[in-house]
N, C-alpha and C. Protein backbone atom coordinates (compact mmCIF):
# COMPACT_ATOMS: atom_id res chain seq x y z
N MET A 1 0.84 -1.17 0.00
CA MET A 1 0.00 0.00 0.00
C MET A 1 0.89 1.24 0.00
N ALA A 2 1.03 1.86 -1.16
CA ALA A 2 1.81 3.08 -1.27
C ALA A 2 0.94 4.27 -0.92
N LEU A 3 1.45 5.13 -0.10
CA LEU A 3 0.69 6.29 0.35
C LEU A 3 0.99 7.50 -0.52
N GLN A 4 -0.05 8.19 -0.89
CA GLN A 4 0.10 9.44 -1.63
C GLN A 4 -0.06 10.59 -0.64
N ALA A 5 0.80 11.58 -0.75
CA ALA A 5 0.74 12.71 0.17
C ALA A 5 0.70 14.02 -0.61
N ARG A 6 -0.08 14.95 -0.08
CA ARG A 6 -0.19 16.29 -0.66
C ARG A 6 -0.01 17.30 0.46
N ARG A 7 0.77 18.34 0.20
CA ARG A 7 1.01 19.37 1.21
C ARG A 7 0.10 20.56 0.97
N PHE A 8 -0.51 21.02 2.06
CA PHE A 8 -1.31 22.24 2.06
C PHE A 8 -0.81 23.08 3.22
N ALA A 9 0.01 24.09 2.90
CA ALA A 9 0.65 24.94 3.91
C ALA A 9 1.42 24.06 4.89
N ASN A 10 1.06 24.10 6.17
CA ASN A 10 1.81 23.33 7.17
C ASN A 10 1.17 21.98 7.49
N ALA A 11 0.29 21.52 6.63
CA ALA A 11 -0.36 20.22 6.85
C ALA A 11 -0.09 19.30 5.66
N LEU A 12 0.05 18.05 5.98
CA LEU A 12 0.29 17.02 4.97
C LEU A 12 -0.92 16.10 4.95
N VAL A 13 -1.58 16.01 3.80
CA VAL A 13 -2.72 15.10 3.64
C VAL A 13 -2.20 13.80 3.05
N VAL A 14 -2.43 12.72 3.78
CA VAL A 14 -1.98 11.40 3.34
C VAL A 14 -3.21 10.58 2.97
N ASP A 15 -3.27 10.17 1.71
CA ASP A 15 -4.39 9.37 1.21
C ASP A 15 -4.16 7.90 1.55
N VAL A 16 -5.15 7.30 2.20
CA VAL A 16 -5.10 5.88 2.54
C VAL A 16 -6.25 5.21 1.82
N SER A 17 -5.96 4.18 1.04
CA SER A 17 -7.03 3.54 0.28
C SER A 17 -6.88 2.03 0.30
N GLY A 18 -7.97 1.36 -0.05
CA GLY A 18 -7.98 -0.10 -0.10
C GLY A 18 -8.33 -0.70 1.24
N ARG A 19 -7.61 -1.76 1.58
CA ARG A 19 -7.81 -2.47 2.84
C ARG A 19 -6.53 -2.38 3.65
N LEU A 20 -6.67 -2.15 4.93
CA LEU A 20 -5.51 -2.11 5.83
C LEU A 20 -5.65 -3.27 6.80
N ASP A 21 -4.81 -4.27 6.60
CA ASP A 21 -4.89 -5.47 7.44
C ASP A 21 -3.49 -6.05 7.64
N GLN A 22 -3.44 -7.24 8.18
CA GLN A 22 -2.17 -7.89 8.53
C GLN A 22 -1.22 -7.98 7.33
N ASP A 23 -1.77 -8.18 6.14
CA ASP A 23 -0.94 -8.37 4.95
C ASP A 23 -0.13 -7.15 4.56
N ASN A 24 -0.65 -5.95 4.81
CA ASN A 24 0.05 -4.76 4.35
C ASN A 24 0.34 -3.75 5.47
N CYS A 25 0.10 -4.15 6.70
CA CYS A 25 0.24 -3.22 7.82
C CYS A 25 1.68 -2.74 8.01
N ASP A 26 2.65 -3.63 7.92
CA ASP A 26 4.04 -3.23 8.16
C ASP A 26 4.51 -2.19 7.14
N ALA A 27 4.19 -2.42 5.87
CA ALA A 27 4.58 -1.46 4.83
C ALA A 27 3.85 -0.13 5.03
N PHE A 28 2.57 -0.21 5.37
CA PHE A 28 1.79 1.00 5.64
C PHE A 28 2.41 1.80 6.78
N ARG A 29 2.72 1.11 7.87
CA ARG A 29 3.28 1.79 9.04
C ARG A 29 4.60 2.46 8.70
N ALA A 30 5.46 1.77 7.96
CA ALA A 30 6.75 2.34 7.59
C ALA A 30 6.56 3.60 6.75
N ASP A 31 5.66 3.55 5.76
CA ASP A 31 5.40 4.73 4.92
C ASP A 31 4.81 5.87 5.74
N LEU A 32 3.85 5.54 6.59
CA LEU A 32 3.18 6.57 7.38
C LEU A 32 4.15 7.24 8.34
N MET A 33 5.04 6.47 8.94
CA MET A 33 6.00 7.04 9.90
C MET A 33 6.90 8.07 9.24
N VAL A 34 7.26 7.85 7.98
CA VAL A 34 8.08 8.83 7.26
C VAL A 34 7.33 10.16 7.17
N HIS A 35 6.04 10.10 6.84
CA HIS A 35 5.24 11.32 6.73
C HIS A 35 5.04 11.97 8.09
N VAL A 36 4.82 11.17 9.13
CA VAL A 36 4.63 11.71 10.48
C VAL A 36 5.90 12.43 10.93
N GLU A 37 7.05 11.80 10.73
CA GLU A 37 8.32 12.42 11.14
C GLU A 37 8.58 13.71 10.36
N GLN A 38 8.33 13.68 9.07
CA GLN A 38 8.54 14.87 8.23
C GLN A 38 7.63 16.00 8.69
N SER A 39 6.38 15.69 8.92
CA SER A 39 5.42 16.71 9.32
C SER A 39 5.76 17.27 10.71
N ALA A 40 6.09 16.40 11.65
CA ALA A 40 6.45 16.86 12.99
C ALA A 40 7.70 17.74 12.94
N HIS A 41 8.66 17.35 12.10
CA HIS A 41 9.89 18.14 11.95
C HIS A 41 9.58 19.52 11.41
N ASP A 42 8.59 19.61 10.52
CA ASP A 42 8.22 20.89 9.92
C ASP A 42 7.23 21.67 10.78
N GLY A 43 6.84 21.11 11.93
CA GLY A 43 5.92 21.79 12.83
C GLY A 43 4.47 21.77 12.38
N GLY A 44 4.13 20.79 11.57
CA GLY A 44 2.77 20.73 11.04
C GLY A 44 1.99 19.52 11.52
N SER A 45 0.91 19.27 10.82
CA SER A 45 0.02 18.17 11.15
C SER A 45 -0.10 17.22 9.96
N VAL A 46 -0.49 15.99 10.27
CA VAL A 46 -0.82 15.01 9.24
C VAL A 46 -2.32 14.82 9.28
N VAL A 47 -2.94 14.92 8.12
CA VAL A 47 -4.36 14.62 7.98
C VAL A 47 -4.47 13.34 7.17
N LEU A 48 -5.06 12.33 7.78
CA LEU A 48 -5.28 11.07 7.07
C LEU A 48 -6.60 11.15 6.33
N ASP A 49 -6.54 11.10 5.01
CA ASP A 49 -7.74 11.09 4.17
C ASP A 49 -8.14 9.62 4.01
N LEU A 50 -9.17 9.21 4.74
CA LEU A 50 -9.59 7.81 4.73
C LEU A 50 -10.79 7.57 3.82
N SER A 51 -11.05 8.50 2.91
CA SER A 51 -12.20 8.35 2.01
C SER A 51 -12.07 7.12 1.12
N GLY A 52 -10.87 6.66 0.86
CA GLY A 52 -10.67 5.48 0.03
C GLY A 52 -10.39 4.21 0.81
N LEU A 53 -10.39 4.28 2.13
CA LEU A 53 -10.13 3.10 2.96
C LEU A 53 -11.42 2.32 3.14
N GLU A 54 -11.43 1.10 2.62
CA GLU A 54 -12.64 0.28 2.65
C GLU A 54 -12.77 -0.54 3.93
N TYR A 55 -11.63 -0.92 4.51
CA TYR A 55 -11.66 -1.80 5.68
C TYR A 55 -10.37 -1.62 6.46
N VAL A 56 -10.47 -1.70 7.79
CA VAL A 56 -9.29 -1.69 8.64
C VAL A 56 -9.45 -2.78 9.69
N SER A 57 -8.44 -3.62 9.83
CA SER A 57 -8.46 -4.70 10.82
C SER A 57 -7.82 -4.21 12.12
N SER A 58 -7.78 -5.08 13.11
CA SER A 58 -7.12 -4.73 14.37
C SER A 58 -5.64 -4.44 14.15
N ALA A 59 -5.02 -5.12 13.21
CA ALA A 59 -3.62 -4.84 12.89
C ALA A 59 -3.48 -3.44 12.31
N GLY A 60 -4.42 -3.04 11.48
CA GLY A 60 -4.41 -1.70 10.92
C GLY A 60 -4.63 -0.64 11.98
N LEU A 61 -5.54 -0.93 12.92
CA LEU A 61 -5.77 0.01 14.02
C LEU A 61 -4.50 0.19 14.84
N ARG A 62 -3.77 -0.91 15.03
CA ARG A 62 -2.50 -0.83 15.76
C ARG A 62 -1.53 0.11 15.04
N CYS A 63 -1.49 0.04 13.71
CA CYS A 63 -0.63 0.94 12.93
C CYS A 63 -1.02 2.40 13.17
N PHE A 64 -2.32 2.67 13.18
CA PHE A 64 -2.78 4.04 13.45
C PHE A 64 -2.33 4.48 14.84
N MET A 65 -2.45 3.59 15.82
CA MET A 65 -2.09 3.95 17.20
C MET A 65 -0.59 4.21 17.31
N LEU A 66 0.23 3.40 16.67
CA LEU A 66 1.67 3.61 16.70
C LEU A 66 2.04 4.95 16.06
N ALA A 67 1.37 5.28 14.97
CA ALA A 67 1.64 6.56 14.31
C ALA A 67 1.20 7.72 15.20
N TYR A 68 0.07 7.57 15.87
CA TYR A 68 -0.41 8.59 16.79
C TYR A 68 0.61 8.83 17.91
N ARG A 69 1.11 7.76 18.48
CA ARG A 69 2.09 7.89 19.56
C ARG A 69 3.38 8.54 19.07
N GLN A 70 3.81 8.17 17.87
CA GLN A 70 5.02 8.75 17.29
C GLN A 70 4.83 10.25 17.08
N ALA A 71 3.69 10.63 16.53
CA ALA A 71 3.41 12.05 16.30
C ALA A 71 3.38 12.81 17.61
N LYS A 72 2.72 12.26 18.60
CA LYS A 72 2.62 12.92 19.91
C LYS A 72 4.00 13.08 20.54
N ALA A 73 4.83 12.06 20.44
CA ALA A 73 6.18 12.12 21.00
C ALA A 73 7.02 13.21 20.34
N GLN A 74 6.72 13.50 19.08
CA GLN A 74 7.46 14.53 18.35
C GLN A 74 6.70 15.86 18.30
N HIS A 75 5.69 15.99 19.14
CA HIS A 75 4.88 17.21 19.22
C HIS A 75 4.16 17.50 17.91
N GLY A 76 3.78 16.44 17.21
CA GLY A 76 2.99 16.59 15.99
C GLY A 76 1.56 16.16 16.25
N ARG A 77 0.73 16.25 15.23
CA ARG A 77 -0.67 15.85 15.35
C ARG A 77 -1.09 15.04 14.14
N ILE A 78 -2.00 14.11 14.39
CA ILE A 78 -2.64 13.37 13.30
C ILE A 78 -4.14 13.59 13.44
N LEU A 79 -4.75 14.06 12.36
CA LEU A 79 -6.19 14.23 12.30
C LEU A 79 -6.72 13.30 11.22
N VAL A 80 -7.97 12.92 11.34
CA VAL A 80 -8.55 11.95 10.42
C VAL A 80 -9.79 12.57 9.78
N GLY A 81 -9.92 12.38 8.46
CA GLY A 81 -11.09 12.92 7.77
C GLY A 81 -11.65 11.95 6.75
N ALA A 82 -12.94 12.12 6.50
CA ALA A 82 -13.65 11.45 5.41
C ALA A 82 -13.69 9.92 5.54
N LEU A 83 -14.07 9.44 6.70
CA LEU A 83 -14.16 7.99 6.90
C LEU A 83 -15.36 7.40 6.16
N GLN A 84 -15.14 6.26 5.52
CA GLN A 84 -16.24 5.48 4.95
C GLN A 84 -17.09 4.95 6.09
N PRO A 85 -18.38 4.68 5.87
CA PRO A 85 -19.25 4.22 6.97
C PRO A 85 -18.71 3.00 7.73
N MET A 86 -18.18 2.00 7.03
CA MET A 86 -17.69 0.81 7.72
C MET A 86 -16.48 1.14 8.59
N VAL A 87 -15.58 1.95 8.08
CA VAL A 87 -14.38 2.33 8.83
C VAL A 87 -14.78 3.23 10.01
N ALA A 88 -15.76 4.11 9.81
CA ALA A 88 -16.24 4.95 10.90
C ALA A 88 -16.81 4.08 12.02
N GLU A 89 -17.54 3.04 11.66
CA GLU A 89 -18.10 2.13 12.66
C GLU A 89 -17.00 1.41 13.43
N ILE A 90 -15.96 0.97 12.73
CA ILE A 90 -14.83 0.31 13.38
C ILE A 90 -14.13 1.28 14.33
N PHE A 91 -13.96 2.52 13.90
CA PHE A 91 -13.36 3.54 14.78
C PHE A 91 -14.20 3.74 16.03
N GLU A 92 -15.52 3.77 15.87
CA GLU A 92 -16.40 3.98 17.02
C GLU A 92 -16.37 2.78 17.97
N ILE A 93 -16.46 1.58 17.43
CA ILE A 93 -16.47 0.37 18.26
C ILE A 93 -15.17 0.26 19.06
N SER A 94 -14.05 0.60 18.42
CA SER A 94 -12.75 0.49 19.07
C SER A 94 -12.38 1.75 19.86
N HIS A 95 -13.25 2.75 19.83
CA HIS A 95 -13.05 4.03 20.53
C HIS A 95 -11.89 4.84 19.96
N PHE A 96 -11.48 4.57 18.74
CA PHE A 96 -10.44 5.37 18.11
C PHE A 96 -10.95 6.78 17.81
N ASN A 97 -12.26 6.93 17.72
CA ASN A 97 -12.82 8.27 17.51
C ASN A 97 -12.62 9.15 18.76
N LEU A 98 -12.25 8.54 19.88
CA LEU A 98 -11.93 9.30 21.08
C LEU A 98 -10.44 9.61 21.18
N VAL A 99 -9.63 8.86 20.45
CA VAL A 99 -8.19 9.07 20.43
C VAL A 99 -7.82 10.11 19.36
N PHE A 100 -8.36 9.92 18.18
CA PHE A 100 -8.08 10.81 17.05
C PHE A 100 -9.18 11.86 16.93
N GLN A 101 -8.80 13.03 16.45
CA GLN A 101 -9.80 14.01 16.06
C GLN A 101 -10.31 13.57 14.69
N VAL A 102 -11.60 13.28 14.60
CA VAL A 102 -12.20 12.77 13.38
C VAL A 102 -13.14 13.83 12.81
N PHE A 103 -13.03 14.07 11.52
CA PHE A 103 -13.83 15.10 10.85
C PHE A 103 -14.56 14.50 9.65
N PRO A 104 -15.73 15.04 9.33
CA PRO A 104 -16.50 14.51 8.19
C PRO A 104 -15.79 14.64 6.85
N THR A 105 -14.98 15.70 6.70
CA THR A 105 -14.28 15.92 5.43
C THR A 105 -12.81 16.24 5.68
N VAL A 106 -12.03 16.08 4.65
CA VAL A 106 -10.61 16.44 4.72
C VAL A 106 -10.47 17.95 4.92
N ARG A 107 -11.30 18.71 4.28
CA ARG A 107 -11.24 20.17 4.40
C ARG A 107 -11.45 20.60 5.85
N GLU A 108 -12.41 19.98 6.54
CA GLU A 108 -12.66 20.32 7.94
C GLU A 108 -11.47 19.91 8.83
N ALA A 109 -10.85 18.80 8.51
CA ALA A 109 -9.66 18.38 9.25
C ALA A 109 -8.53 19.38 9.03
N LEU A 110 -8.36 19.83 7.80
CA LEU A 110 -7.34 20.83 7.51
C LEU A 110 -7.62 22.14 8.23
N ALA A 111 -8.88 22.54 8.31
CA ALA A 111 -9.24 23.76 9.01
C ALA A 111 -8.89 23.65 10.49
N ALA A 112 -9.05 22.45 11.06
CA ALA A 112 -8.67 22.24 12.46
C ALA A 112 -7.16 22.26 12.63
N ALA A 113 -6.44 21.86 11.59
CA ALA A 113 -4.97 21.87 11.65
C ALA A 113 -4.46 23.31 11.63
N SER A 114 -4.95 24.10 10.67
CA SER A 114 -4.58 25.51 10.61
C SER A 114 -5.41 26.21 9.54
N SER A 115 -5.60 27.49 9.72
CA SER A 115 -6.35 28.26 8.72
C SER A 115 -5.56 28.36 7.42
N ASP A 116 -4.23 28.38 7.51
CA ASP A 116 -3.40 28.42 6.30
C ASP A 116 -3.57 27.15 5.47
N ALA A 117 -3.66 26.00 6.14
CA ALA A 117 -3.85 24.73 5.44
C ALA A 117 -5.19 24.70 4.73
N ALA A 118 -6.23 25.16 5.40
CA ALA A 118 -7.56 25.19 4.79
C ALA A 118 -7.59 26.14 3.60
N ALA A 119 -6.96 27.29 3.73
CA ALA A 119 -6.91 28.26 2.63
C ALA A 119 -6.15 27.69 1.43
N SER A 120 -5.06 27.00 1.71
CA SER A 120 -4.28 26.38 0.64
C SER A 120 -5.09 25.29 -0.07
N TYR A 121 -5.84 24.52 0.69
CA TYR A 121 -6.70 23.47 0.13
C TYR A 121 -7.79 24.11 -0.75
N ASP A 122 -8.41 25.16 -0.25
CA ASP A 122 -9.45 25.84 -1.03
C ASP A 122 -8.89 26.39 -2.33
N LYS A 123 -7.70 26.96 -2.25
CA LYS A 123 -7.07 27.53 -3.45
C LYS A 123 -6.77 26.43 -4.46
N ALA A 124 -6.30 25.27 -4.00
CA ALA A 124 -5.99 24.15 -4.90
C ALA A 124 -7.28 23.58 -5.51
N ALA A 125 -8.37 23.59 -4.76
CA ALA A 125 -9.64 23.05 -5.25
C ALA A 125 -10.21 23.91 -6.37
N VAL A 126 -9.94 25.20 -6.33
CA VAL A 126 -10.44 26.13 -7.34
C VAL A 126 -9.61 26.01 -8.62
N ALA A 127 -8.33 25.75 -8.47
CA ALA A 127 -7.41 25.72 -9.63
C ALA A 127 -7.64 24.53 -10.54
C-alpha cells in the first residue's frame, strides 16, 4: 500500500485507500511514519484522508495507534477525515474516535490543523 501525500501549507494530507490489514500493515506503518516524522519536523500536522479506505483490521488500528504515539512524542498531530461508513463504525467500536480528532471531510480536518492549510486546500480546489 503506497501512500500518496499532498502538502497544504503546514499540513500534509496522506491518502489511505484499499484495505488495511495484517498483509500490508508493516509497509503502511513504515510509509506513514516517514510522513509523520517529516510533518512533525516541519511543525505541522498530518491529515489522514480515509475516504478510500474500505476496511481496517485490528492490525491496521494498531498501525494508526503507533503513528499517533510517534506524532505525539514529536509534538505533531494526526487528524482523520472522510471515513467510509464501515471504517467509521470500526473507529467507534474500538473508541479510536476518542483518540483521534475525526472530521466529516478532509477540508474540515485541515481547518482544524490551521487556517493556512484550509486556505491552501481551497485555493488548490479552485485551480
